[in-house]
Amino acid sequence: MVVRLLWESNAQHAGMEDTTMKRHRHTPEQAVRKLREGERLLNEGKDLTEVLRHLGIAESTWNRWKSRYGGMRIDEVKRLRELEHENTRLKKLVADQALDIDMLKEVARGNF
């Protein structure tokens, strides 16, 4: 970390450009918007590396987003996120219920 900070400060003082990307979590809606914009730029004849640089994402991120959100609209992504949250909530409820059932079985056996 210290070495990187020293290098970055030296790079800034020497007039060099810092080429590292800052980590940023994109919402699914932002990912869909960037995918659309990227597809538009690719259809205009731009190279993939230029498109990725313009969007500020890595190629692995592009590929992951295409496999996850490719062809989806923003409203579909919002609905997907709502369903994922609901699914998580229901899984927690089922787990709690299973624990309650196990506890009641132990109490009924008298093994407490």
N, C-alpha and C. Protein backbone atom coordinates (compact mmCIF):
# COMPACT_ATOMS: atom_id res chain seq x y z
N MET A 1 0.83 -1.19 0.00
CA MET A 1 0.00 0.00 0.00
C MET A 1 0.87 1.25 0.00
N VAL A 2 1.90 1.27 0.85
CA VAL A 2 2.77 2.44 0.93
C VAL A 2 3.51 2.64 -0.38
N VAL A 3 3.98 1.53 -0.95
CA VAL A 3 4.71 1.62 -2.21
C VAL A 3 3.81 2.17 -3.30
N ARG A 4 2.57 1.71 -3.34
CA ARG A 4 1.64 2.19 -4.36
C ARG A 4 1.37 3.68 -4.18
N LEU A 5 1.17 4.10 -2.94
CA LEU A 5 0.92 5.52 -2.70
C LEU A 5 2.11 6.37 -3.12
N LEU A 6 3.32 5.88 -2.84
CA LEU A 6 4.51 6.61 -3.25
C LEU A 6 4.59 6.67 -4.78
N TRP A 7 4.31 5.54 -5.45
CA TRP A 7 4.36 5.52 -6.89
C TRP A 7 3.32 6.47 -7.47
N GLU A 8 2.09 6.45 -6.90
CA GLU A 8 1.05 7.32 -7.41
C GLU A 8 1.42 8.79 -7.24
N SER A 9 2.01 9.13 -6.10
CA SER A 9 2.39 10.52 -5.91
C SER A 9 3.53 10.89 -6.86
N ASN A 10 4.47 9.96 -7.11
CA ASN A 10 5.54 10.22 -8.07
C ASN A 10 4.99 10.33 -9.48
N ALA A 11 4.02 9.50 -9.81
CA ALA A 11 3.43 9.54 -11.14
C ALA A 11 2.70 10.86 -11.36
N GLN A 12 2.03 11.34 -10.34
CA GLN A 12 1.31 12.60 -10.48
C GLN A 12 2.29 13.75 -10.64
N HIS A 13 3.38 13.71 -9.89
CA HIS A 13 4.36 14.79 -9.97
C HIS A 13 5.13 14.74 -11.28
N ALA A 14 5.31 13.56 -11.84
CA ALA A 14 6.06 13.43 -13.08
C ALA A 14 5.16 13.68 -14.30
N GLY A 15 3.89 13.95 -14.07
CA GLY A 15 2.98 14.21 -15.18
C GLY A 15 2.44 12.95 -15.81
N MET A 16 2.66 11.80 -15.15
CA MET A 16 2.16 10.53 -15.69
C MET A 16 0.70 10.36 -15.29
N GLU A 17 -0.03 9.67 -16.13
CA GLU A 17 -1.44 9.43 -15.86
C GLU A 17 -1.59 8.14 -15.05
N ASP A 18 -2.42 8.17 -14.04
CA ASP A 18 -2.70 6.98 -13.25
C ASP A 18 -3.72 6.15 -14.02
N THR A 19 -3.33 4.92 -14.41
CA THR A 19 -4.20 4.09 -15.24
C THR A 19 -5.01 3.10 -14.42
N THR A 20 -4.88 3.10 -13.10
CA THR A 20 -5.66 2.17 -12.30
C THR A 20 -7.09 2.67 -12.20
N MET A 21 -8.02 1.72 -12.19
CA MET A 21 -9.43 2.08 -12.09
C MET A 21 -9.87 2.04 -10.64
N LYS A 22 -10.66 2.99 -10.26
CA LYS A 22 -11.21 3.01 -8.92
C LYS A 22 -12.37 2.01 -8.87
N ARG A 23 -12.40 1.20 -7.81
CA ARG A 23 -13.48 0.22 -7.67
C ARG A 23 -14.79 0.94 -7.38
N HIS A 24 -15.82 0.51 -8.08
CA HIS A 24 -17.13 1.14 -7.93
C HIS A 24 -18.19 0.08 -8.10
N ARG A 25 -19.12 0.02 -7.20
CA ARG A 25 -20.24 -0.92 -7.33
C ARG A 25 -21.34 -0.24 -8.12
N HIS A 26 -21.72 -0.87 -9.18
CA HIS A 26 -22.80 -0.34 -10.00
C HIS A 26 -24.09 -1.05 -9.61
N THR A 27 -25.17 -0.30 -9.63
CA THR A 27 -26.48 -0.92 -9.42
C THR A 27 -26.84 -1.68 -10.69
N PRO A 28 -27.73 -2.65 -10.59
CA PRO A 28 -28.14 -3.35 -11.82
C PRO A 28 -28.68 -2.41 -12.89
N GLU A 29 -29.37 -1.36 -12.47
CA GLU A 29 -29.90 -0.40 -13.43
C GLU A 29 -28.77 0.31 -14.17
N GLN A 30 -27.72 0.68 -13.42
CA GLN A 30 -26.57 1.32 -14.06
C GLN A 30 -25.88 0.36 -15.01
N ALA A 31 -25.81 -0.91 -14.62
CA ALA A 31 -25.18 -1.91 -15.49
C ALA A 31 -25.94 -2.05 -16.80
N VAL A 32 -27.26 -2.07 -16.73
CA VAL A 32 -28.06 -2.19 -17.95
C VAL A 32 -27.87 -0.95 -18.83
N ARG A 33 -27.85 0.22 -18.21
CA ARG A 33 -27.62 1.46 -18.99
C ARG A 33 -26.27 1.42 -19.69
N LYS A 34 -25.23 0.99 -18.95
CA LYS A 34 -23.89 0.94 -19.55
C LYS A 34 -23.82 -0.13 -20.64
N LEU A 35 -24.50 -1.23 -20.45
CA LEU A 35 -24.55 -2.25 -21.51
C LEU A 35 -25.18 -1.70 -22.77
N ARG A 36 -26.29 -0.99 -22.61
CA ARG A 36 -26.96 -0.39 -23.79
C ARG A 36 -26.04 0.60 -24.49
N GLU A 37 -25.41 1.46 -23.69
CA GLU A 37 -24.51 2.45 -24.29
C GLU A 37 -23.34 1.76 -24.97
N GLY A 38 -22.80 0.73 -24.34
CA GLY A 38 -21.70 -0.01 -24.95
C GLY A 38 -22.09 -0.68 -26.24
N GLU A 39 -23.27 -1.28 -26.26
CA GLU A 39 -23.75 -1.92 -27.49
C GLU A 39 -23.93 -0.88 -28.60
N ARG A 40 -24.43 0.29 -28.23
CA ARG A 40 -24.60 1.36 -29.22
C ARG A 40 -23.25 1.77 -29.80
N LEU A 41 -22.25 1.93 -28.92
CA LEU A 41 -20.92 2.33 -29.39
C LEU A 41 -20.29 1.24 -30.25
N LEU A 42 -20.49 -0.03 -29.87
CA LEU A 42 -19.96 -1.12 -30.68
C LEU A 42 -20.62 -1.15 -32.06
N ASN A 43 -21.92 -0.87 -32.11
CA ASN A 43 -22.63 -0.85 -33.40
C ASN A 43 -22.18 0.31 -34.27
N GLU A 44 -21.66 1.36 -33.64
CA GLU A 44 -21.13 2.49 -34.40
C GLU A 44 -19.74 2.20 -34.94
N GLY A 45 -19.18 1.04 -34.59
CA GLY A 45 -17.89 0.63 -35.13
C GLY A 45 -16.71 0.85 -34.21
N LYS A 46 -16.95 1.22 -32.98
CA LYS A 46 -15.84 1.41 -32.04
C LYS A 46 -15.32 0.06 -31.58
N ASP A 47 -14.05 0.04 -31.22
CA ASP A 47 -13.39 -1.16 -30.72
C ASP A 47 -13.84 -1.42 -29.28
N LEU A 48 -13.86 -2.68 -28.87
CA LEU A 48 -14.31 -3.04 -27.53
C LEU A 48 -13.46 -2.36 -26.45
N THR A 49 -12.15 -2.30 -26.66
CA THR A 49 -11.30 -1.66 -25.65
C THR A 49 -11.62 -0.18 -25.50
N GLU A 50 -11.94 0.49 -26.61
CA GLU A 50 -12.35 1.90 -26.54
C GLU A 50 -13.66 2.05 -25.78
N VAL A 51 -14.59 1.15 -26.06
CA VAL A 51 -15.90 1.20 -25.40
C VAL A 51 -15.73 0.99 -23.90
N LEU A 52 -14.93 -0.01 -23.52
CA LEU A 52 -14.72 -0.29 -22.10
C LEU A 52 -14.04 0.87 -21.40
N ARG A 53 -13.10 1.49 -22.06
CA ARG A 53 -12.42 2.65 -21.48
C ARG A 53 -13.41 3.80 -21.30
N HIS A 54 -14.27 4.00 -22.30
CA HIS A 54 -15.28 5.06 -22.22
C HIS A 54 -16.26 4.81 -21.06
N LEU A 55 -16.65 3.54 -20.89
CA LEU A 55 -17.60 3.19 -19.83
C LEU A 55 -16.93 3.13 -18.46
N GLY A 56 -15.62 2.96 -18.43
CA GLY A 56 -14.89 2.89 -17.16
C GLY A 56 -15.04 1.55 -16.47
N ILE A 57 -15.10 0.47 -17.26
CA ILE A 57 -15.23 -0.86 -16.68
C ILE A 57 -14.21 -1.80 -17.32
N ALA A 58 -13.98 -2.92 -16.65
CA ALA A 58 -13.06 -3.93 -17.16
C ALA A 58 -13.80 -4.90 -18.08
N GLU A 59 -13.03 -5.62 -18.88
CA GLU A 59 -13.65 -6.57 -19.81
C GLU A 59 -14.37 -7.68 -19.06
N SER A 60 -13.83 -8.11 -17.92
CA SER A 60 -14.50 -9.15 -17.14
C SER A 60 -15.85 -8.66 -16.62
N THR A 61 -15.92 -7.38 -16.24
CA THR A 61 -17.18 -6.80 -15.80
C THR A 61 -18.18 -6.77 -16.95
N TRP A 62 -17.72 -6.36 -18.12
CA TRP A 62 -18.57 -6.33 -19.32
C TRP A 62 -19.17 -7.71 -19.59
N ASN A 63 -18.30 -8.74 -19.56
CA ASN A 63 -18.76 -10.10 -19.85
C ASN A 63 -19.74 -10.60 -18.78
N ARG A 64 -19.47 -10.29 -17.52
CA ARG A 64 -20.36 -10.71 -16.44
C ARG A 64 -21.72 -10.03 -16.58
N TRP A 65 -21.72 -8.73 -16.87
CA TRP A 65 -22.97 -8.00 -17.05
C TRP A 65 -23.74 -8.54 -18.24
N LYS A 66 -23.05 -8.85 -19.34
CA LYS A 66 -23.74 -9.36 -20.53
C LYS A 66 -24.41 -10.69 -20.22
N SER A 67 -23.73 -11.54 -19.46
CA SER A 67 -24.34 -12.84 -19.14
C SER A 67 -25.48 -12.69 -18.15
N ARG A 68 -25.39 -11.72 -17.25
CA ARG A 68 -26.42 -11.56 -16.23
C ARG A 68 -27.59 -10.71 -16.71
N TYR A 69 -27.30 -9.58 -17.35
CA TYR A 69 -28.35 -8.62 -17.68
C TYR A 69 -28.59 -8.45 -19.17
N GLY A 70 -27.91 -9.21 -20.01
CA GLY A 70 -28.04 -9.05 -21.45
C GLY A 70 -29.48 -9.19 -21.91
N GLY A 71 -29.99 -8.21 -22.61
CA GLY A 71 -31.34 -8.26 -23.14
C GLY A 71 -32.42 -7.84 -22.17
N MET A 72 -32.05 -7.47 -20.95
CA MET A 72 -33.07 -7.07 -19.97
C MET A 72 -33.30 -5.56 -20.05
N ARG A 73 -34.53 -5.19 -19.71
CA ARG A 73 -34.85 -3.76 -19.59
C ARG A 73 -34.68 -3.36 -18.13
N ILE A 74 -34.63 -2.07 -17.89
CA ILE A 74 -34.40 -1.57 -16.53
C ILE A 74 -35.52 -2.00 -15.59
N ASP A 75 -36.77 -1.97 -16.05
CA ASP A 75 -37.86 -2.37 -15.17
C ASP A 75 -37.78 -3.86 -14.83
N GLU A 76 -37.27 -4.67 -15.76
CA GLU A 76 -37.08 -6.09 -15.48
C GLU A 76 -35.99 -6.31 -14.44
N VAL A 77 -34.95 -5.50 -14.50
CA VAL A 77 -33.86 -5.60 -13.53
C VAL A 77 -34.36 -5.22 -12.14
N LYS A 78 -35.17 -4.18 -12.06
CA LYS A 78 -35.74 -3.78 -10.77
C LYS A 78 -36.59 -4.90 -10.20
N ARG A 79 -37.41 -5.51 -11.05
CA ARG A 79 -38.26 -6.62 -10.60
C ARG A 79 -37.41 -7.80 -10.15
N LEU A 80 -36.34 -8.10 -10.87
CA LEU A 80 -35.43 -9.18 -10.50
C LEU A 80 -34.84 -8.92 -9.12
N ARG A 81 -34.41 -7.69 -8.88
CA ARG A 81 -33.82 -7.35 -7.58
C ARG A 81 -34.86 -7.50 -6.47
N GLU A 82 -36.09 -7.06 -6.72
CA GLU A 82 -37.16 -7.21 -5.72
C GLU A 82 -37.41 -8.69 -5.42
N LEU A 83 -37.43 -9.51 -6.45
CA LEU A 83 -37.65 -10.94 -6.25
C LEU A 83 -36.50 -11.59 -5.49
N GLU A 84 -35.27 -11.15 -5.76
CA GLU A 84 -34.12 -11.69 -5.03
C GLU A 84 -34.20 -11.34 -3.55
N HIS A 85 -34.61 -10.11 -3.24
CA HIS A 85 -34.76 -9.71 -1.84
C HIS A 85 -35.85 -10.52 -1.16
N GLU A 86 -36.97 -10.70 -1.85
CA GLU A 86 -38.07 -11.48 -1.30
C GLU A 86 -37.65 -12.93 -1.08
N ASN A 87 -36.90 -13.48 -2.01
CA ASN A 87 -36.42 -14.85 -1.90
C ASN A 87 -35.50 -15.00 -0.67
N THR A 88 -34.62 -14.04 -0.46
CA THR A 88 -33.73 -14.06 0.71
C THR A 88 -34.54 -14.01 2.00
N ARG A 89 -35.54 -13.16 2.04
CA ARG A 89 -36.38 -13.03 3.23
C ARG A 89 -37.12 -14.33 3.51
N LEU A 90 -37.65 -14.96 2.47
CA LEU A 90 -38.38 -16.21 2.65
C LEU A 90 -37.46 -17.35 3.08
N LYS A 91 -36.24 -17.37 2.54
CA LYS A 91 -35.28 -18.40 2.96
C LYS A 91 -34.96 -18.28 4.45
N LYS A 92 -34.83 -17.04 4.94
CA LYS A 92 -34.57 -16.83 6.36
C LYS A 92 -35.75 -17.31 7.20
N LEU A 93 -36.97 -17.03 6.72
CA LEU A 93 -38.15 -17.50 7.44
C LEU A 93 -38.20 -19.02 7.52
N VAL A 94 -37.91 -19.69 6.43
CA VAL A 94 -37.92 -21.15 6.41
C VAL A 94 -36.85 -21.70 7.35
N ALA A 95 -35.68 -21.09 7.35
CA ALA A 95 -34.61 -21.55 8.24
C ALA A 95 -35.01 -21.37 9.70
N ASP A 96 -35.60 -20.23 10.04
CA ASP A 96 -36.06 -20.00 11.41
C ASP A 96 -37.14 -21.01 11.80
N GLN A 97 -38.04 -21.29 10.88
CA GLN A 97 -39.10 -22.25 11.15
C GLN A 97 -38.54 -23.65 11.38
N ALA A 98 -37.55 -24.03 10.59
CA ALA A 98 -36.92 -25.34 10.76
C ALA A 98 -36.24 -25.43 12.12
N LEU A 99 -35.59 -24.37 12.57
CA LEU A 99 -34.98 -24.36 13.90
C LEU A 99 -36.03 -24.48 14.99
N ASP A 100 -37.13 -23.78 14.83
CA ASP A 100 -38.22 -23.86 15.81
C ASP A 100 -38.77 -25.29 15.89
N ILE A 101 -38.94 -25.93 14.75
CA ILE A 101 -39.45 -27.30 14.73
C ILE A 101 -38.48 -28.24 15.43
N ASP A 102 -37.18 -28.11 15.14
CA ASP A 102 -36.18 -28.95 15.80
C ASP A 102 -36.19 -28.73 17.31
N MET A 103 -36.30 -27.47 17.74
CA MET A 103 -36.33 -27.16 19.16
C MET A 103 -37.56 -27.79 19.82
N LEU A 104 -38.71 -27.70 19.19
CA LEU A 104 -39.93 -28.29 19.75
C LEU A 104 -39.84 -29.82 19.82
N LYS A 105 -39.19 -30.43 18.84
CA LYS A 105 -39.00 -31.89 18.87
C LYS A 105 -38.12 -32.28 20.06
N GLU A 106 -37.06 -31.52 20.31
CA GLU A 106 -36.19 -31.80 21.45
C GLU A 106 -36.94 -31.63 22.76
N VAL A 107 -37.75 -30.61 22.88
CA VAL A 107 -38.52 -30.38 24.09
C VAL A 107 -39.54 -31.52 24.29
N ALA A 108 -40.16 -31.97 23.21
CA ALA A 108 -41.15 -33.03 23.30
C ALA A 108 -40.50 -34.35 23.74
N ARG A 109 -39.25 -34.57 23.35
CA ARG A 109 -38.54 -35.79 23.76
C ARG A 109 -38.08 -35.69 25.21
N GLY A 110 -37.98 -34.49 25.70
CA GLY A 110 -37.49 -34.29 27.06
C GLY A 110 -35.98 -34.20 27.12
N ASN A 111 -35.34 -33.92 26.02
CA ASN A 111 -33.86 -33.81 25.96
C ASN A 111 -33.42 -32.35 26.04
N PHE A 112 -33.82 -31.68 27.04
CA PHE A 112 -33.41 -30.27 27.15
C PHE A 112 -32.58 -30.06 28.31
